[in-house]
Amino acid sequence: ADGTVQVGDAVIALARLGAGGLAECTVAAASDVFARPATMPPAVAAAMPVTYQTAWIGLLHRARLAAGDTVLVHAGAGGAGSAAIQVARAAGATVLATAGGADKVARCRDLGAHVAIDYRSDDFVQVVREHTEGAGVDVVYDGVGGDTFDASTKAIAFEGRIVVVGFSAGRAAEARTNHAMVKNYSVIGVNWGAYRALRPELLQQAHREIIEWWSAGAVAPFVSEVVPMEAMPDALDRLRA
């Protein structure tokens, strides 16, 4: 609709609900179709839109991340966290990331985190304070919620921004507005899906910048496995688990 893609182009598309994406042919709204470089493998393309656009919207649009800022990314080895680490690095930020276990901590470092923290053995609030000389981080990217959000309020800097993108811990935290007022920080919600309906042009802008970073080697989705179509039911079960 906006002239960015033409018939025959390789694209990344978000299938319309009910049409299904695991198919040879599907249907998508024009605003849900994004240009794909011919050199981008399909598995990489499939991993790009939701997590990387969410990170771009949350960090750059909502939290106004600037070069030189310090960012704490929770669950950095997962899909949302790994994208946030790379987007923050590409934007010129210093990145601290949390993860559970040595392997996931190592993955955070491989993804570009300057500091990787094993939350199972270390207190991330203390590590943040040590790394920032007591100031705290400018931005927290939180897809975990619960106790992790509560502790993040102790790690956020004056005029910092806590970006809420999910509640994988199973509990949606309750922000203490008196604490936010006294410490002068913001709690910012990010619902990526709302932008599909309300600000689709912003997602296209996000996508263009993400693709530029990918072309420059600054971001790259971590694809752990590619499975054949007949194995998809089992793969989806494992993903849900």
C-alpha atoms as a PDB file:
ATOM      1  CA  ALA A   1       0.000   0.000   0.000  1.00  0.00           C
ATOM      2  CA  ASP A   2       2.864   2.382   0.718  1.00  0.00           C
ATOM      3  CA  GLY A   3       5.004   1.329  -2.235  1.00  0.00           C
ATOM      4  CA  THR A   4       7.736  -0.317  -0.176  1.00  0.00           C
ATOM      5  CA  VAL A   5       7.045  -3.795  -1.574  1.00  0.00           C
ATOM      6  CA  GLN A   6       5.930  -4.975  -4.986  1.00  0.00           C
ATOM      7  CA  VAL A   7       4.426  -8.180  -6.343  1.00  0.00           C
ATOM      8  CA  GLY A   8       7.133 -10.833  -6.393  1.00  0.00           C
ATOM      9  CA  ASP A   9       9.253  -9.283  -3.642  1.00  0.00           C
ATOM     10  CA  ALA A  10      10.517 -11.331  -0.713  1.00  0.00           C
ATOM     11  CA  VAL A  11       8.680 -10.133   2.387  1.00  0.00           C
ATOM     12  CA  ILE A  12       8.108 -10.684   6.076  1.00  0.00           C
ATOM     13  CA  ALA A  13       4.390 -10.786   6.828  1.00  0.00           C
ATOM     14  CA  LEU A  14       2.167 -11.165   9.857  1.00  0.00           C
ATOM     15  CA  ALA A  15      -0.639 -13.470   8.812  1.00  0.00           C
ATOM     16  CA  ARG A  16      -4.180 -12.330   9.502  1.00  0.00           C
ATOM     17  CA  LEU A  17      -5.718 -14.124  12.492  1.00  0.00           C
ATOM     18  CA  GLY A  18      -7.352 -17.290  11.231  1.00  0.00           C
ATOM     19  CA  ALA A  19      -5.394 -17.419   7.970  1.00  0.00           C
ATOM     20  CA  GLY A  20      -2.333 -19.067   9.531  1.00  0.00           C
ATOM     21  CA  GLY A  21       1.361 -18.519   8.919  1.00  0.00           C
ATOM     22  CA  LEU A  22       2.479 -22.142   8.639  1.00  0.00           C
ATOM     23  CA  ALA A  23       1.261 -22.479   5.061  1.00  0.00           C
ATOM     24  CA  GLU A  24       2.360 -22.165   1.441  1.00  0.00           C
ATOM     25  CA  CYS A  25      -0.151 -19.333   0.929  1.00  0.00           C
ATOM     26  CA  THR A  26      -1.753 -17.001   3.463  1.00  0.00           C
ATOM     27  CA  VAL A  27      -3.395 -13.583   3.813  1.00  0.00           C
ATOM     28  CA  ALA A  28      -2.022 -10.469   5.535  1.00  0.00           C
ATOM     29  CA  ALA A  29      -3.026  -6.818   5.747  1.00  0.00           C
ATOM     30  CA  ALA A  30      -0.876  -4.517   3.627  1.00  0.00           C
ATOM     31  CA  SER A  31       0.312  -2.724   6.775  1.00  0.00           C
ATOM     32  CA  ASP A  32       1.514  -6.072   8.177  1.00  0.00           C
ATOM     33  CA  VAL A  33       3.838  -6.728   5.242  1.00  0.00           C
ATOM     34  CA  PHE A  34       7.493  -5.719   5.551  1.00  0.00           C
ATOM     35  CA  ALA A  35      10.304  -5.696   3.017  1.00  0.00           C
ATOM     36  CA  ARG A  36      12.867  -8.504   3.323  1.00  0.00           C
ATOM     37  CA  PRO A  37      16.384  -8.382   1.904  1.00  0.00           C
ATOM     38  CA  ALA A  38      16.923 -11.111  -0.656  1.00  0.00           C
ATOM     39  CA  THR A  39      19.964 -12.291   1.310  1.00  0.00           C
ATOM     40  CA  MET A  40      18.041 -12.774   4.558  1.00  0.00           C
ATOM     41  CA  PRO A  41      17.332 -16.480   5.251  1.00  0.00           C
ATOM     42  CA  PRO A  42      13.652 -17.313   5.878  1.00  0.00           C
ATOM     43  CA  ALA A  43      14.351 -18.618   9.396  1.00  0.00           C
ATOM     44  CA  VAL A  44      16.010 -15.328  10.327  1.00  0.00           C
ATOM     45  CA  ALA A  45      13.173 -13.343   8.740  1.00  0.00           C
ATOM     46  CA  ALA A  46      10.590 -15.277  10.748  1.00  0.00           C
ATOM     47  CA  ALA A  47      12.383 -14.363  13.972  1.00  0.00           C
ATOM     48  CA  MET A  48      12.628 -10.633  13.207  1.00  0.00           C
ATOM     49  CA  PRO A  49       9.315  -8.769  13.424  1.00  0.00           C
ATOM     50  CA  VAL A  50       7.672  -9.209  16.827  1.00  0.00           C
ATOM     51  CA  THR A  51      10.643  -9.270  19.203  1.00  0.00           C
ATOM     52  CA  TYR A  52      12.824  -6.719  17.405  1.00  0.00           C
ATOM     53  CA  GLN A  53      10.003  -4.295  16.715  1.00  0.00           C
ATOM     54  CA  THR A  54       8.920  -4.564  20.352  1.00  0.00           C
ATOM     55  CA  ALA A  55      12.466  -3.772  21.461  1.00  0.00           C
ATOM     56  CA  TRP A  56      12.678  -0.808  19.061  1.00  0.00           C
ATOM     57  CA  ILE A  57       9.293   0.569  20.165  1.00  0.00           C
ATOM     58  CA  GLY A  58      10.031   0.025  23.848  1.00  0.00           C
ATOM     59  CA  LEU A  59      13.586   1.309  23.939  1.00  0.00           C
ATOM     60  CA  LEU A  60      13.771   3.977  21.248  1.00  0.00           C
ATOM     61  CA  HIS A  61      10.206   5.245  20.884  1.00  0.00           C
ATOM     62  CA  ARG A  62       8.787   4.874  24.386  1.00  0.00           C
ATOM     63  CA  ALA A  63      11.886   5.099  26.608  1.00  0.00           C
ATOM     64  CA  ARG A  64      13.742   7.541  24.306  1.00  0.00           C
ATOM     65  CA  LEU A  65      16.965   5.566  24.627  1.00  0.00           C
ATOM     66  CA  ALA A  66      19.998   7.623  23.648  1.00  0.00           C
ATOM     67  CA  ALA A  67      23.601   6.740  22.895  1.00  0.00           C
ATOM     68  CA  GLY A  68      25.511   6.597  26.156  1.00  0.00           C
ATOM     69  CA  ASP A  69      22.534   5.458  28.249  1.00  0.00           C
ATOM     70  CA  THR A  70      22.808   2.372  30.428  1.00  0.00           C
ATOM     71  CA  VAL A  71      20.196  -0.381  29.964  1.00  0.00           C
ATOM     72  CA  LEU A  72      19.321  -3.403  32.079  1.00  0.00           C
ATOM     73  CA  VAL A  73      17.639  -6.196  30.078  1.00  0.00           C
ATOM     74  CA  HIS A  74      15.950  -8.974  32.025  1.00  0.00           C
ATOM     75  CA  ALA A  75      15.795 -12.556  30.668  1.00  0.00           C
ATOM     76  CA  GLY A  76      18.423 -11.576  28.139  1.00  0.00           C
ATOM     77  CA  ALA A  77      18.854 -15.066  26.682  1.00  0.00           C
ATOM     78  CA  GLY A  78      15.193 -15.366  25.626  1.00  0.00           C
ATOM     79  CA  GLY A  79      13.563 -14.130  22.445  1.00  0.00           C
ATOM     80  CA  ALA A  80      12.469 -10.709  23.700  1.00  0.00           C
ATOM     81  CA  GLY A  81      15.566 -10.148  25.805  1.00  0.00           C
ATOM     82  CA  SER A  82      18.045 -11.172  23.120  1.00  0.00           C
ATOM     83  CA  ALA A  83      16.470  -8.713  20.688  1.00  0.00           C
ATOM     84  CA  ALA A  84      16.553  -5.951  23.309  1.00  0.00           C
ATOM     85  CA  ILE A  85      20.250  -6.514  24.027  1.00  0.00           C
ATOM     86  CA  GLN A  86      21.091  -6.134  20.350  1.00  0.00           C
ATOM     87  CA  VAL A  87      18.813  -3.151  19.720  1.00  0.00           C
ATOM     88  CA  ALA A  88      20.214  -1.341  22.754  1.00  0.00           C
ATOM     89  CA  ARG A  89      23.773  -2.041  21.614  1.00  0.00           C
ATOM     90  CA  ALA A  90      22.977  -0.867  18.090  1.00  0.00           C
ATOM     91  CA  ALA A  91      21.579   2.362  19.553  1.00  0.00           C
ATOM     92  CA  GLY A  92      24.838   3.022  21.381  1.00  0.00           C
ATOM     93  CA  ALA A  93      23.855   2.028  24.914  1.00  0.00           C
ATOM     94  CA  THR A  94      25.818   0.145  27.552  1.00  0.00           C
ATOM     95  CA  VAL A  95      23.934  -3.086  28.247  1.00  0.00           C
ATOM     96  CA  LEU A  96      23.631  -5.157  31.388  1.00  0.00           C
ATOM     97  CA  ALA A  97      21.573  -8.350  31.146  1.00  0.00           C
ATOM     98  CA  THR A  98      20.227 -10.952  33.535  1.00  0.00           C
ATOM     99  CA  ALA A  99      19.752 -14.643  32.837  1.00  0.00           C
ATOM    100  CA  GLY A 100      19.503 -17.913  34.764  1.00  0.00           C
ATOM    101  CA  GLY A 101      22.489 -20.253  34.557  1.00  0.00           C
ATOM    102  CA  ALA A 102      25.979 -20.199  33.080  1.00  0.00           C
ATOM    103  CA  ASP A 103      24.930 -21.134  29.533  1.00  0.00           C
ATOM    104  CA  LYS A 104      22.336 -18.361  29.302  1.00  0.00           C
ATOM    105  CA  VAL A 105      24.718 -15.833  30.841  1.00  0.00           C
ATOM    106  CA  ALA A 106      27.292 -16.755  28.204  1.00  0.00           C
ATOM    107  CA  ARG A 107      24.663 -16.305  25.489  1.00  0.00           C
ATOM    108  CA  CYS A 108      23.933 -12.785  26.770  1.00  0.00           C
ATOM    109  CA  ARG A 109      27.617 -11.947  26.393  1.00  0.00           C
ATOM    110  CA  ASP A 110      27.658 -13.451  22.905  1.00  0.00           C
ATOM    111  CA  LEU A 111      24.649 -11.284  22.007  1.00  0.00           C
ATOM    112  CA  GLY A 112      26.555  -8.160  23.016  1.00  0.00           C
ATOM    113  CA  ALA A 113      25.818  -7.543  26.697  1.00  0.00           C
ATOM    114  CA  HIS A 114      28.678  -5.652  28.324  1.00  0.00           C
ATOM    115  CA  VAL A 115      27.783  -7.184  31.699  1.00  0.00           C
ATOM    116  CA  ALA A 116      25.897 -10.481  32.121  1.00  0.00           C
ATOM    117  CA  ILE A 117      24.428 -11.369  35.526  1.00  0.00           C
ATOM    118  CA  ASP A 118      23.323 -14.807  36.728  1.00  0.00           C
ATOM    119  CA  TYR A 119      20.263 -13.940  38.814  1.00  0.00           C
ATOM    120  CA  ARG A 120      20.385 -17.399  40.405  1.00  0.00           C
ATOM    121  CA  SER A 121      23.647 -16.614  42.182  1.00  0.00           C
ATOM    122  CA  ASP A 122      24.028 -12.827  42.093  1.00  0.00           C
ATOM    123  CA  ASP A 123      21.921  -9.872  43.218  1.00  0.00           C
ATOM    124  CA  PHE A 124      21.429  -7.859  40.037  1.00  0.00           C
ATOM    125  CA  VAL A 125      20.596  -4.715  42.014  1.00  0.00           C
ATOM    126  CA  GLN A 126      24.000  -4.838  43.687  1.00  0.00           C
ATOM    127  CA  VAL A 127      25.785  -5.487  40.381  1.00  0.00           C
ATOM    128  CA  VAL A 128      23.969  -2.534  38.789  1.00  0.00           C
ATOM    129  CA  ARG A 129      24.911  -0.256  41.660  1.00  0.00           C
ATOM    130  CA  GLU A 130      28.544  -1.320  41.454  1.00  0.00           C
ATOM    131  CA  HIS A 131      28.690  -0.898  37.683  1.00  0.00           C
ATOM    132  CA  THR A 132      26.982   2.521  37.711  1.00  0.00           C
ATOM    133  CA  GLU A 133      28.751   3.799  40.863  1.00  0.00           C
ATOM    134  CA  GLY A 134      25.446   3.895  42.685  1.00  0.00           C
ATOM    135  CA  ALA A 135      23.523   5.877  40.063  1.00  0.00           C
ATOM    136  CA  GLY A 136      21.414   3.033  38.651  1.00  0.00           C
ATOM    137  CA  VAL A 137      20.547   2.312  35.037  1.00  0.00           C
ATOM    138  CA  ASP A 138      18.734   4.744  32.755  1.00  0.00           C
ATOM    139  CA  VAL A 139      16.387   2.096  31.325  1.00  0.00           C
ATOM    140  CA  VAL A 140      15.146  -1.305  32.490  1.00  0.00           C
ATOM    141  CA  TYR A 141      13.604  -3.588  29.836  1.00  0.00           C
ATOM    142  CA  ASP A 142      11.391  -5.966  31.806  1.00  0.00           C
ATOM    143  CA  GLY A 143       9.554  -8.893  30.297  1.00  0.00           C
ATOM    144  CA  VAL A 144       9.555 -10.812  33.574  1.00  0.00           C
ATOM    145  CA  GLY A 145       7.511  -8.754  36.045  1.00  0.00           C
ATOM    146  CA  GLY A 146       6.754  -9.946  39.567  1.00  0.00           C
ATOM    147  CA  ASP A 147       9.675  -9.787  41.993  1.00  0.00           C
ATOM    148  CA  THR A 148      11.997  -8.797  39.161  1.00  0.00           C
ATOM    149  CA  PHE A 149      10.032  -5.599  38.561  1.00  0.00           C
ATOM    150  CA  ASP A 150       9.985  -4.866  42.280  1.00  0.00           C
ATOM    151  CA  ALA A 151      13.766  -5.206  42.505  1.00  0.00           C
ATOM    152  CA  SER A 152      14.224  -3.145  39.344  1.00  0.00           C
ATOM    153  CA  THR A 153      12.772  -0.118  41.103  1.00  0.00           C
ATOM    154  CA  LYS A 154      15.868  -0.280  43.327  1.00  0.00           C
ATOM    155  CA  ALA A 155      18.177  -0.386  40.297  1.00  0.00           C
ATOM    156  CA  ILE A 156      16.663   2.457  38.256  1.00  0.00           C
ATOM    157  CA  ALA A 157      18.352   5.854  38.077  1.00  0.00           C
ATOM    158  CA  PHE A 158      16.896   9.291  38.737  1.00  0.00           C
ATOM    159  CA  GLU A 159      14.607  10.058  35.770  1.00  0.00           C
ATOM    160  CA  GLY A 160      15.023   6.460  34.617  1.00  0.00           C
ATOM    161  CA  ARG A 161      12.454   4.490  32.632  1.00  0.00           C
ATOM    162  CA  ILE A 162      11.196   0.980  33.399  1.00  0.00           C
ATOM    163  CA  VAL A 163       9.761  -0.526  30.209  1.00  0.00           C
ATOM    164  CA  VAL A 164       7.165  -3.236  30.879  1.00  0.00           C
ATOM    165  CA  VAL A 165       6.804  -5.714  28.007  1.00  0.00           C
ATOM    166  CA  GLY A 166       5.522  -8.840  29.734  1.00  0.00           C
ATOM    167  CA  PHE A 167       5.012 -10.933  32.872  1.00  0.00           C
ATOM    168  CA  SER A 168       6.763 -14.252  32.299  1.00  0.00           C
ATOM    169  CA  ALA A 169       7.152 -14.635  36.066  1.00  0.00           C
ATOM    170  CA  GLY A 170       3.386 -15.148  36.221  1.00  0.00           C
ATOM    171  CA  ARG A 171       2.645 -12.110  38.365  1.00  0.00           C
ATOM    172  CA  ALA A 172       1.938  -8.617  37.107  1.00  0.00           C
ATOM    173  CA  ALA A 173       3.707  -6.288  39.524  1.00  0.00           C
ATOM    174  CA  GLU A 174       2.004  -3.309  41.119  1.00  0.00           C
ATOM    175  CA  ALA A 175       3.951  -0.078  40.721  1.00  0.00           C
ATOM    176  CA  ARG A 176       4.282   1.995  43.880  1.00  0.00           C
ATOM    177  CA  THR A 177       3.440   5.466  42.647  1.00  0.00           C
ATOM    178  CA  ASN A 178       4.850   7.137  45.755  1.00  0.00           C
ATOM    179  CA  HIS A 179       8.214   5.485  45.092  1.00  0.00           C
ATOM    180  CA  ALA A 180       8.090   6.504  41.431  1.00  0.00           C
ATOM    181  CA  MET A 181       7.371  10.091  42.462  1.00  0.00           C
ATOM    182  CA  VAL A 182      10.103  10.356  45.081  1.00  0.00           C
ATOM    183  CA  LYS A 183      12.744   8.714  42.867  1.00  0.00           C
ATOM    184  CA  ASN A 184      11.531  10.441  39.688  1.00  0.00           C
ATOM    185  CA  TYR A 185      11.312   7.405  37.397  1.00  0.00           C
ATOM    186  CA  SER A 186       8.711   6.360  34.832  1.00  0.00           C
ATOM    187  CA  VAL A 187       6.943   3.033  34.333  1.00  0.00           C
ATOM    188  CA  ILE A 188       6.194   2.629  30.628  1.00  0.00           C
ATOM    189  CA  GLY A 189       3.905   0.004  29.130  1.00  0.00           C
ATOM    190  CA  VAL A 190       4.563  -1.412  25.662  1.00  0.00           C
ATOM    191  CA  ASN A 191       1.897  -3.372  23.792  1.00  0.00           C
ATOM    192  CA  TRP A 192       3.400  -4.096  20.377  1.00  0.00           C
ATOM    193  CA  GLY A 193       0.097  -5.406  19.010  1.00  0.00           C
ATOM    194  CA  ALA A 194      -1.637  -2.066  19.556  1.00  0.00           C
ATOM    195  CA  TYR A 195       0.721  -0.409  17.071  1.00  0.00           C
ATOM    196  CA  ARG A 196      -0.480  -2.717  14.288  1.00  0.00           C
ATOM    197  CA  ALA A 197      -3.880  -1.051  14.518  1.00  0.00           C
ATOM    198  CA  LEU A 198      -3.040   2.437  15.764  1.00  0.00           C
ATOM    199  CA  ARG A 199       0.448   3.303  14.459  1.00  0.00           C
ATOM    200  CA  PRO A 200       1.374   0.862  11.668  1.00  0.00           C
ATOM    201  CA  GLU A 201       3.638   3.444  10.028  1.00  0.00           C
ATOM    202  CA  LEU A 202       5.786   3.428  13.179  1.00  0.00           C
ATOM    203  CA  LEU A 203       6.295  -0.328  12.873  1.00  0.00           C
ATOM    204  CA  GLN A 204       7.394   0.171   9.277  1.00  0.00           C
ATOM    205  CA  GLN A 205       9.902   2.789  10.488  1.00  0.00           C
ATOM    206  CA  ALA A 206      11.132   0.416  13.172  1.00  0.00           C
ATOM    207  CA  HIS A 207      11.488  -2.367  10.631  1.00  0.00           C
ATOM    208  CA  ARG A 208      13.519  -0.248   8.232  1.00  0.00           C
ATOM    209  CA  GLU A 209      16.014   0.651  10.939  1.00  0.00           C
ATOM    210  CA  ILE A 210      16.224  -2.930  12.190  1.00  0.00           C
ATOM    211  CA  ILE A 211      16.942  -4.158   8.661  1.00  0.00           C
ATOM    212  CA  GLU A 212      19.692  -1.552   8.306  1.00  0.00           C
ATOM    213  CA  TRP A 213      21.238  -2.861  11.528  1.00  0.00           C
ATOM    214  CA  TRP A 214      20.907  -6.453  10.307  1.00  0.00           C
ATOM    215  CA  SER A 215      22.578  -5.567   7.011  1.00  0.00           C
ATOM    216  CA  ALA A 216      25.422  -3.967   8.969  1.00  0.00           C
ATOM    217  CA  GLY A 217      25.783  -7.035  11.216  1.00  0.00           C
ATOM    218  CA  ALA A 218      24.622  -5.190  14.352  1.00  0.00           C
ATOM    219  CA  VAL A 219      21.612  -7.442  15.047  1.00  0.00           C
ATOM    220  CA  ALA A 220      20.978 -11.097  14.268  1.00  0.00           C
ATOM    221  CA  PRO A 221      18.247 -13.323  15.733  1.00  0.00           C
ATOM    222  CA  PHE A 222      19.428 -16.352  17.641  1.00  0.00           C
ATOM    223  CA  VAL A 223      17.821 -19.274  15.769  1.00  0.00           C
ATOM    224  CA  SER A 224      18.375 -22.396  17.824  1.00  0.00           C
ATOM    225  CA  GLU A 225      16.587 -24.867  15.562  1.00  0.00           C
ATOM    226  CA  VAL A 226      14.846 -25.171  12.198  1.00  0.00           C
ATOM    227  CA  VAL A 227      12.294 -27.974  11.944  1.00  0.00           C
ATOM    228  CA  PRO A 228      10.393 -29.509   8.998  1.00  0.00           C
ATOM    229  CA  MET A 229       6.663 -28.899   8.660  1.00  0.00           C
ATOM    230  CA  GLU A 230       5.689 -32.333   9.964  1.00  0.00           C
ATOM    231  CA  ALA A 231       7.562 -31.605  13.201  1.00  0.00           C
ATOM    232  CA  MET A 232       5.767 -28.322  13.853  1.00  0.00           C
ATOM    233  CA  PRO A 233       3.138 -29.653  16.335  1.00  0.00           C
ATOM    234  CA  ASP A 234       5.900 -30.985  18.578  1.00  0.00           C
ATOM    235  CA  ALA A 235       7.968 -27.807  18.138  1.00  0.00           C
ATOM    236  CA  LEU A 236       5.022 -25.628  19.146  1.00  0.00           C
ATOM    237  CA  ASP A 237       4.389 -27.813  22.202  1.00  0.00           C
ATOM    238  CA  ARG A 238       8.029 -27.401  23.232  1.00  0.00           C
ATOM    239  CA  LEU A 239       7.837 -23.645  22.652  1.00  0.00           C
ATOM    240  CA  ARG A 240       4.747 -23.350  24.866  1.00  0.00           C
ATOM    241  CA  ALA A 241       6.533 -25.358  27.583  1.00  0.00           C
END
